[in-house]
Amino acid sequence: MLAEAAKQGVHTVVATSHYYRSQETIDSFLCRRAVAAEQMAPCIPDGMQVLIGAEVLMQKGVSGLDLQPLCIEGTSRILLELPFSPPPSWLYEEMENIALGQRLDVILAHVDRYMPWYSTREMTEMMEFPGLSVQLNADAFLDAKLMRALKRWLPPCESMVLGSDMHHIDQRSPNIGPACKKIQRKIYGRRWLEQIQHDSLLLLPPH
C-alpha cells in the first residue's frame, strides 16, 4: 500500500490504526502499535514519511482517558471516529472534554460516512468546536452521486483534509491519486486542492 501511495505522489502518510476503549487499554494499544510500526518500517519507500497516530472511536467515557499518546505524532491533533448511529446524548460533552478539557485539536474521520445518521444541523454544531478539522475520504470524490449528496449535506468548515483510508491493497486501497485527478477536472478543483494541501500541512508537526 505504501509503494502504491508513493506512485500516486504521496510523500507523507499518517498511520491511524483503530483504538476502541471498550476492547483494550491505551497502554496495550500503544504496545501493539509499536510492534506493528517496527514491522512496517522496512517497507517505507525512500523519501516517504510515515507518522504514527490512531483513529479513536467515540465511546462514552473516552474523554476520561489521556488521549495525547494517540494524537498524530509530534502534534496535539486527535482523529476521532463518530458513532455510526444518531448522535447519542453524551457525544457533545465527550467532544467538549477532549477539545477543551484536554486541549486537543479534533479531526473528524471520514465525515462522508455519517450522512445516514447526522443532520446538517448536528454537524454544524460540531463545527463550533475550536480547532476542529474535517477529513473526507477520497472515495467520496470518485462517486458522483455521493459527491452531490455530500455537497448538500456538509456544512461549511474552516479546515478540510483528504484521506485515502487505505486498509488493503485490493479493498479500500490507496486512491488519493485518482481522486485528485477527478477533482482537478472541475472548474474549482485546482484551487480547492491547493486549500486542502495547505490545511493538511497545518495538521502535521512542524519541520
C-alpha atoms as a PDB file:
ATOM      1  CA  MET A   1       0.000   0.000   0.000  1.00  0.00           C
ATOM      2  CA  LEU A   2       2.820   2.420   0.809  1.00  0.00           C
ATOM      3  CA  ALA A   3       4.530   1.690  -2.508  1.00  0.00           C
ATOM      4  CA  GLU A   4       1.272   2.297  -4.401  1.00  0.00           C
ATOM      5  CA  ALA A   5       0.647   5.518  -2.482  1.00  0.00           C
ATOM      6  CA  ALA A   6       4.149   6.716  -3.381  1.00  0.00           C
ATOM      7  CA  LYS A   7       3.391   6.074  -7.074  1.00  0.00           C
ATOM      8  CA  GLN A   8       0.356   8.361  -6.682  1.00  0.00           C
ATOM      9  CA  GLY A   9       2.562  11.199  -5.393  1.00  0.00           C
ATOM     10  CA  VAL A  10       2.031  10.751  -1.643  1.00  0.00           C
ATOM     11  CA  HIS A  11       5.002  11.927   0.425  1.00  0.00           C
ATOM     12  CA  THR A  12       3.550  11.754   3.949  1.00  0.00           C
ATOM     13  CA  VAL A  13       1.282   9.074   5.395  1.00  0.00           C
ATOM     14  CA  VAL A  14      -0.472   9.264   8.760  1.00  0.00           C
ATOM     15  CA  ALA A  15      -0.942   5.697  10.025  1.00  0.00           C
ATOM     16  CA  THR A  16      -4.053   5.715  12.212  1.00  0.00           C
ATOM     17  CA  SER A  17      -4.798   2.234  13.495  1.00  0.00           C
ATOM     18  CA  HIS A  18      -8.121   1.881  15.300  1.00  0.00           C
ATOM     19  CA  TYR A  19      -8.424   2.334  19.054  1.00  0.00           C
ATOM     20  CA  TYR A  20     -11.567   1.088  20.840  1.00  0.00           C
ATOM     21  CA  ARG A  21     -11.795   1.935  24.523  1.00  0.00           C
ATOM     22  CA  SER A  22     -14.187  -0.979  25.105  1.00  0.00           C
ATOM     23  CA  GLN A  23     -11.664  -3.524  23.829  1.00  0.00           C
ATOM     24  CA  GLU A  24      -8.270  -2.582  25.287  1.00  0.00           C
ATOM     25  CA  THR A  25      -6.341  -0.139  27.397  1.00  0.00           C
ATOM     26  CA  ILE A  26      -4.275   2.622  25.843  1.00  0.00           C
ATOM     27  CA  ASP A  27      -1.072   1.022  27.157  1.00  0.00           C
ATOM     28  CA  SER A  28      -1.978  -2.263  25.451  1.00  0.00           C
ATOM     29  CA  PHE A  29      -2.793  -0.443  22.233  1.00  0.00           C
ATOM     30  CA  LEU A  30       0.485   1.511  22.293  1.00  0.00           C
ATOM     31  CA  CYS A  31       2.494  -1.685  22.725  1.00  0.00           C
ATOM     32  CA  ARG A  32       0.652  -3.390  19.882  1.00  0.00           C
ATOM     33  CA  ARG A  33       1.031  -0.336  17.661  1.00  0.00           C
ATOM     34  CA  ALA A  34       4.762  -0.077  18.376  1.00  0.00           C
ATOM     35  CA  VAL A  35       5.285  -3.672  17.222  1.00  0.00           C
ATOM     36  CA  ALA A  36       3.299  -3.017  14.038  1.00  0.00           C
ATOM     37  CA  ALA A  37       5.243   0.191  13.332  1.00  0.00           C
ATOM     38  CA  GLU A  38       8.521  -1.680  13.718  1.00  0.00           C
ATOM     39  CA  GLN A  39       7.346  -4.342  11.266  1.00  0.00           C
ATOM     40  CA  MET A  40       6.233  -1.652   8.809  1.00  0.00           C
ATOM     41  CA  ALA A  41       9.471   0.376   8.908  1.00  0.00           C
ATOM     42  CA  PRO A  42      11.423  -1.657   6.288  1.00  0.00           C
ATOM     43  CA  CYS A  43       8.515  -1.255   3.836  1.00  0.00           C
ATOM     44  CA  ILE A  44       8.501   2.558   3.826  1.00  0.00           C
ATOM     45  CA  PRO A  45       9.622   3.822   0.395  1.00  0.00           C
ATOM     46  CA  ASP A  46      12.601   6.158   0.171  1.00  0.00           C
ATOM     47  CA  GLY A  47      11.517   9.755   0.573  1.00  0.00           C
ATOM     48  CA  MET A  48       8.237   8.910   2.321  1.00  0.00           C
ATOM     49  CA  GLN A  49       7.467   9.953   5.887  1.00  0.00           C
ATOM     50  CA  VAL A  50       5.082   7.850   7.974  1.00  0.00           C
ATOM     51  CA  LEU A  51       3.656   9.493  11.080  1.00  0.00           C
ATOM     52  CA  ILE A  52       2.020   7.342  13.740  1.00  0.00           C
ATOM     53  CA  GLY A  53      -1.395   8.181  15.180  1.00  0.00           C
ATOM     54  CA  ALA A  54      -4.715   6.493  15.905  1.00  0.00           C
ATOM     55  CA  GLU A  55      -8.356   6.602  14.909  1.00  0.00           C
ATOM     56  CA  VAL A  56     -10.253   6.790  18.194  1.00  0.00           C
ATOM     57  CA  LEU A  57     -13.865   5.636  18.293  1.00  0.00           C
ATOM     58  CA  MET A  58     -16.042   8.000  20.292  1.00  0.00           C
ATOM     59  CA  GLN A  59     -17.469   5.994  23.183  1.00  0.00           C
ATOM     60  CA  LYS A  60     -18.910   7.158  26.475  1.00  0.00           C
ATOM     61  CA  GLY A  61     -16.093   7.881  28.916  1.00  0.00           C
ATOM     62  CA  VAL A  62     -13.307   8.040  26.317  1.00  0.00           C
ATOM     63  CA  SER A  63     -12.597  11.669  27.256  1.00  0.00           C
ATOM     64  CA  GLY A  64     -11.606  10.457  30.726  1.00  0.00           C
ATOM     65  CA  LEU A  65      -8.503   8.825  29.228  1.00  0.00           C
ATOM     66  CA  ASP A  66      -5.251  10.623  28.477  1.00  0.00           C
ATOM     67  CA  LEU A  67      -5.551  10.775  24.684  1.00  0.00           C
ATOM     68  CA  GLN A  68      -2.345  12.696  23.962  1.00  0.00           C
ATOM     69  CA  PRO A  69      -0.391   9.469  23.176  1.00  0.00           C
ATOM     70  CA  LEU A  70      -2.951   8.732  20.453  1.00  0.00           C
ATOM     71  CA  CYS A  71      -2.501  12.075  18.702  1.00  0.00           C
ATOM     72  CA  ILE A  72      -0.746  12.343  15.359  1.00  0.00           C
ATOM     73  CA  GLU A  73       2.948  12.015  16.100  1.00  0.00           C
ATOM     74  CA  GLY A  74       4.505  15.341  17.116  1.00  0.00           C
ATOM     75  CA  THR A  75       1.160  17.168  17.376  1.00  0.00           C
ATOM     76  CA  SER A  76      -1.857  17.656  19.636  1.00  0.00           C
ATOM     77  CA  ARG A  77      -4.267  16.600  16.853  1.00  0.00           C
ATOM     78  CA  ILE A  78      -6.543  13.637  17.504  1.00  0.00           C
ATOM     79  CA  LEU A  79      -8.508  11.721  14.846  1.00  0.00           C
ATOM     80  CA  LEU A  80     -11.979  10.831  16.157  1.00  0.00           C
ATOM     81  CA  GLU A  81     -14.488   8.428  14.618  1.00  0.00           C
ATOM     82  CA  LEU A  82     -18.118   9.243  15.397  1.00  0.00           C
ATOM     83  CA  PRO A  83     -20.636   6.500  16.247  1.00  0.00           C
ATOM     84  CA  PHE A  84     -22.475   5.108  13.223  1.00  0.00           C
ATOM     85  CA  SER A  85     -25.841   5.910  14.770  1.00  0.00           C
ATOM     86  CA  PRO A  86     -27.850   9.041  15.592  1.00  0.00           C
ATOM     87  CA  PRO A  87     -25.627  11.137  17.894  1.00  0.00           C
ATOM     88  CA  PRO A  88     -26.005   9.871  21.478  1.00  0.00           C
ATOM     89  CA  SER A  89     -26.749  12.323  24.280  1.00  0.00           C
ATOM     90  CA  TRP A  90     -23.220  12.103  25.663  1.00  0.00           C
ATOM     91  CA  LEU A  91     -21.380  12.789  22.385  1.00  0.00           C
ATOM     92  CA  TYR A  92     -21.052  16.584  22.535  1.00  0.00           C
ATOM     93  CA  GLU A  93     -19.915  16.541  26.170  1.00  0.00           C
ATOM     94  CA  GLU A  94     -17.247  13.947  25.364  1.00  0.00           C
ATOM     95  CA  MET A  95     -16.027  16.033  22.419  1.00  0.00           C
ATOM     96  CA  GLU A  96     -16.008  19.168  24.565  1.00  0.00           C
ATOM     97  CA  ASN A  97     -13.918  17.425  27.215  1.00  0.00           C
ATOM     98  CA  ILE A  98     -11.440  16.327  24.561  1.00  0.00           C
ATOM     99  CA  ALA A  99     -11.232  19.651  22.713  1.00  0.00           C
ATOM    100  CA  LEU A 100     -11.352  21.996  25.706  1.00  0.00           C
ATOM    101  CA  GLY A 101     -10.516  19.839  28.710  1.00  0.00           C
ATOM    102  CA  GLN A 102      -7.530  18.068  27.135  1.00  0.00           C
ATOM    103  CA  ARG A 103      -6.802  20.943  24.734  1.00  0.00           C
ATOM    104  CA  LEU A 104      -6.573  18.676  21.725  1.00  0.00           C
ATOM    105  CA  ASP A 105      -7.402  19.678  18.169  1.00  0.00           C
ATOM    106  CA  VAL A 106     -10.058  17.337  16.814  1.00  0.00           C
ATOM    107  CA  ILE A 107     -10.090  15.876  13.313  1.00  0.00           C
ATOM    108  CA  LEU A 108     -13.369  14.137  12.445  1.00  0.00           C
ATOM    109  CA  ALA A 109     -12.586  10.974  10.485  1.00  0.00           C
ATOM    110  CA  HIS A 110     -14.282  10.124   7.158  1.00  0.00           C
ATOM    111  CA  VAL A 111     -17.168  12.558   7.656  1.00  0.00           C
ATOM    112  CA  ASP A 112     -18.753  11.432   4.378  1.00  0.00           C
ATOM    113  CA  ARG A 113     -19.800   8.168   6.076  1.00  0.00           C
ATOM    114  CA  TYR A 114     -22.026   9.865   8.651  1.00  0.00           C
ATOM    115  CA  MET A 115     -24.695  11.173   6.283  1.00  0.00           C
ATOM    116  CA  PRO A 116     -27.277   8.468   7.128  1.00  0.00           C
ATOM    117  CA  TRP A 117     -27.244   9.377  10.850  1.00  0.00           C
ATOM    118  CA  TYR A 118     -26.259  13.039  11.303  1.00  0.00           C
ATOM    119  CA  SER A 119     -28.196  16.056  10.094  1.00  0.00           C
ATOM    120  CA  THR A 120     -26.585  19.188   8.696  1.00  0.00           C
ATOM    121  CA  ARG A 121     -27.673  20.994  11.870  1.00  0.00           C
ATOM    122  CA  GLU A 122     -25.954  18.415  14.084  1.00  0.00           C
ATOM    123  CA  MET A 123     -22.775  18.600  12.027  1.00  0.00           C
ATOM    124  CA  THR A 124     -22.888  22.397  12.180  1.00  0.00           C
ATOM    125  CA  GLU A 125     -22.913  22.195  15.984  1.00  0.00           C
ATOM    126  CA  MET A 126     -19.791  20.049  15.878  1.00  0.00           C
ATOM    127  CA  MET A 127     -18.051  22.557  13.623  1.00  0.00           C
ATOM    128  CA  GLU A 128     -18.187  25.039  16.502  1.00  0.00           C
ATOM    129  CA  PHE A 129     -15.510  23.183  18.460  1.00  0.00           C
ATOM    130  CA  PRO A 130     -12.258  25.191  18.391  1.00  0.00           C
ATOM    131  CA  GLY A 131      -9.521  23.847  16.140  1.00  0.00           C
ATOM    132  CA  LEU A 132     -11.784  21.255  14.526  1.00  0.00           C
ATOM    133  CA  SER A 133     -10.883  19.845  11.106  1.00  0.00           C
ATOM    134  CA  VAL A 134     -12.867  17.567   8.798  1.00  0.00           C
ATOM    135  CA  GLN A 135     -11.410  14.614   6.912  1.00  0.00           C
ATOM    136  CA  LEU A 136     -13.148  13.310   3.802  1.00  0.00           C
ATOM    137  CA  ASN A 137     -12.331  10.018   2.129  1.00  0.00           C
ATOM    138  CA  ALA A 138     -11.140  10.026  -1.455  1.00  0.00           C
ATOM    139  CA  ASP A 139     -13.906   7.504  -2.206  1.00  0.00           C
ATOM    140  CA  ALA A 140     -16.462  10.286  -1.852  1.00  0.00           C
ATOM    141  CA  PHE A 141     -14.933  12.144  -4.803  1.00  0.00           C
ATOM    142  CA  LEU A 142     -14.878   9.065  -7.017  1.00  0.00           C
ATOM    143  CA  ASP A 143     -18.648   8.567  -6.668  1.00  0.00           C
ATOM    144  CA  ALA A 144     -20.584  11.347  -8.428  1.00  0.00           C
ATOM    145  CA  LYS A 145     -23.883  10.559  -6.696  1.00  0.00           C
ATOM    146  CA  LEU A 146     -22.263  10.536  -3.256  1.00  0.00           C
ATOM    147  CA  MET A 147     -20.426  13.775  -4.001  1.00  0.00           C
ATOM    148  CA  ARG A 148     -23.661  15.577  -4.923  1.00  0.00           C
ATOM    149  CA  ALA A 149     -25.323  14.366  -1.713  1.00  0.00           C
ATOM    150  CA  LEU A 150     -22.288  15.400   0.332  1.00  0.00           C
ATOM    151  CA  LYS A 151     -22.372  18.934  -1.065  1.00  0.00           C
ATOM    152  CA  ARG A 152     -25.993  19.325   0.046  1.00  0.00           C
ATOM    153  CA  TRP A 153     -25.390  17.818   3.488  1.00  0.00           C
ATOM    154  CA  LEU A 154     -21.990  19.023   4.712  1.00  0.00           C
ATOM    155  CA  PRO A 155     -21.975  22.499   6.333  1.00  0.00           C
ATOM    156  CA  PRO A 156     -19.120  24.928   5.603  1.00  0.00           C
ATOM    157  CA  CYS A 157     -15.971  24.066   7.537  1.00  0.00           C
ATOM    158  CA  GLU A 158     -12.777  26.025   8.145  1.00  0.00           C
ATOM    159  CA  SER A 159     -10.317  23.162   7.670  1.00  0.00           C
ATOM    160  CA  MET A 160     -10.698  20.139   5.401  1.00  0.00           C
ATOM    161  CA  VAL A 161      -8.282  17.348   4.538  1.00  0.00           C
ATOM    162  CA  LEU A 162      -8.406  14.416   2.137  1.00  0.00           C
ATOM    163  CA  GLY A 163      -7.599  10.836   3.135  1.00  0.00           C
ATOM    164  CA  SER A 164      -7.447   7.511   1.323  1.00  0.00           C
ATOM    165  CA  ASP A 165      -8.493   5.415   4.344  1.00  0.00           C
ATOM    166  CA  MET A 166      -6.394   2.603   2.907  1.00  0.00           C
ATOM    167  CA  HIS A 167      -6.831  -0.782   4.606  1.00  0.00           C
ATOM    168  CA  HIS A 168      -5.796  -3.333   1.973  1.00  0.00           C
ATOM    169  CA  ILE A 169      -4.139  -3.301  -1.443  1.00  0.00           C
ATOM    170  CA  ASP A 170      -7.222  -4.879  -3.082  1.00  0.00           C
ATOM    171  CA  GLN A 171     -10.067  -3.489  -0.943  1.00  0.00           C
ATOM    172  CA  ARG A 172     -10.031   0.119   0.315  1.00  0.00           C
ATOM    173  CA  SER A 173      -6.709   0.593  -1.442  1.00  0.00           C
ATOM    174  CA  PRO A 174      -4.693   3.822  -1.877  1.00  0.00           C
ATOM    175  CA  ASN A 175      -6.744   6.151  -4.079  1.00  0.00           C
ATOM    176  CA  ILE A 176      -5.579   9.716  -3.425  1.00  0.00           C
ATOM    177  CA  GLY A 177      -4.144   9.967  -6.939  1.00  0.00           C
ATOM    178  CA  PRO A 178      -7.358   9.116  -8.826  1.00  0.00           C
ATOM    179  CA  ALA A 179      -9.415  11.355  -6.522  1.00  0.00           C
ATOM    180  CA  CYS A 180      -7.120  14.345  -7.048  1.00  0.00           C
ATOM    181  CA  LYS A 181      -7.203  13.868 -10.827  1.00  0.00           C
ATOM    182  CA  LYS A 182     -11.006  13.850 -10.791  1.00  0.00           C
ATOM    183  CA  ILE A 183     -11.198  16.935  -8.563  1.00  0.00           C
ATOM    184  CA  GLN A 184      -8.818  18.832 -10.843  1.00  0.00           C
ATOM    185  CA  ARG A 185     -11.165  18.341 -13.788  1.00  0.00           C
ATOM    186  CA  LYS A 186     -13.714  20.586 -12.061  1.00  0.00           C
ATOM    187  CA  ILE A 187     -13.585  24.370 -12.501  1.00  0.00           C
ATOM    188  CA  TYR A 188     -12.959  24.932  -8.800  1.00  0.00           C
ATOM    189  CA  GLY A 189     -10.820  21.812  -8.393  1.00  0.00           C
ATOM    190  CA  ARG A 190      -7.248  23.078  -8.589  1.00  0.00           C
ATOM    191  CA  ARG A 191      -7.883  25.952  -6.161  1.00  0.00           C
ATOM    192  CA  TRP A 192      -9.697  23.591  -3.782  1.00  0.00           C
ATOM    193  CA  LEU A 193      -6.856  21.049  -3.876  1.00  0.00           C
ATOM    194  CA  GLU A 194      -4.404  23.805  -3.036  1.00  0.00           C
ATOM    195  CA  GLN A 195      -6.521  24.700   0.018  1.00  0.00           C
ATOM    196  CA  ILE A 196      -6.667  21.031   1.086  1.00  0.00           C
ATOM    197  CA  GLN A 197      -2.891  20.766   0.714  1.00  0.00           C
ATOM    198  CA  HIS A 198      -2.466  23.905   2.826  1.00  0.00           C
ATOM    199  CA  ASP A 199      -4.817  22.620   5.551  1.00  0.00           C
ATOM    200  CA  SER A 200      -3.133  19.195   5.529  1.00  0.00           C
ATOM    201  CA  LEU A 201       0.307  20.688   6.122  1.00  0.00           C
ATOM    202  CA  LEU A 202      -1.050  22.611   9.110  1.00  0.00           C
ATOM    203  CA  LEU A 203      -2.102  19.316  10.720  1.00  0.00           C
ATOM    204  CA  LEU A 204       1.409  17.861  10.526  1.00  0.00           C
ATOM    205  CA  PRO A 205       4.221  18.500  13.028  1.00  0.00           C
ATOM    206  CA  PRO A 206       6.430  21.496  12.224  1.00  0.00           C
ATOM    207  CA  HIS A 207       9.647  20.715  10.373  1.00  0.00           C
END
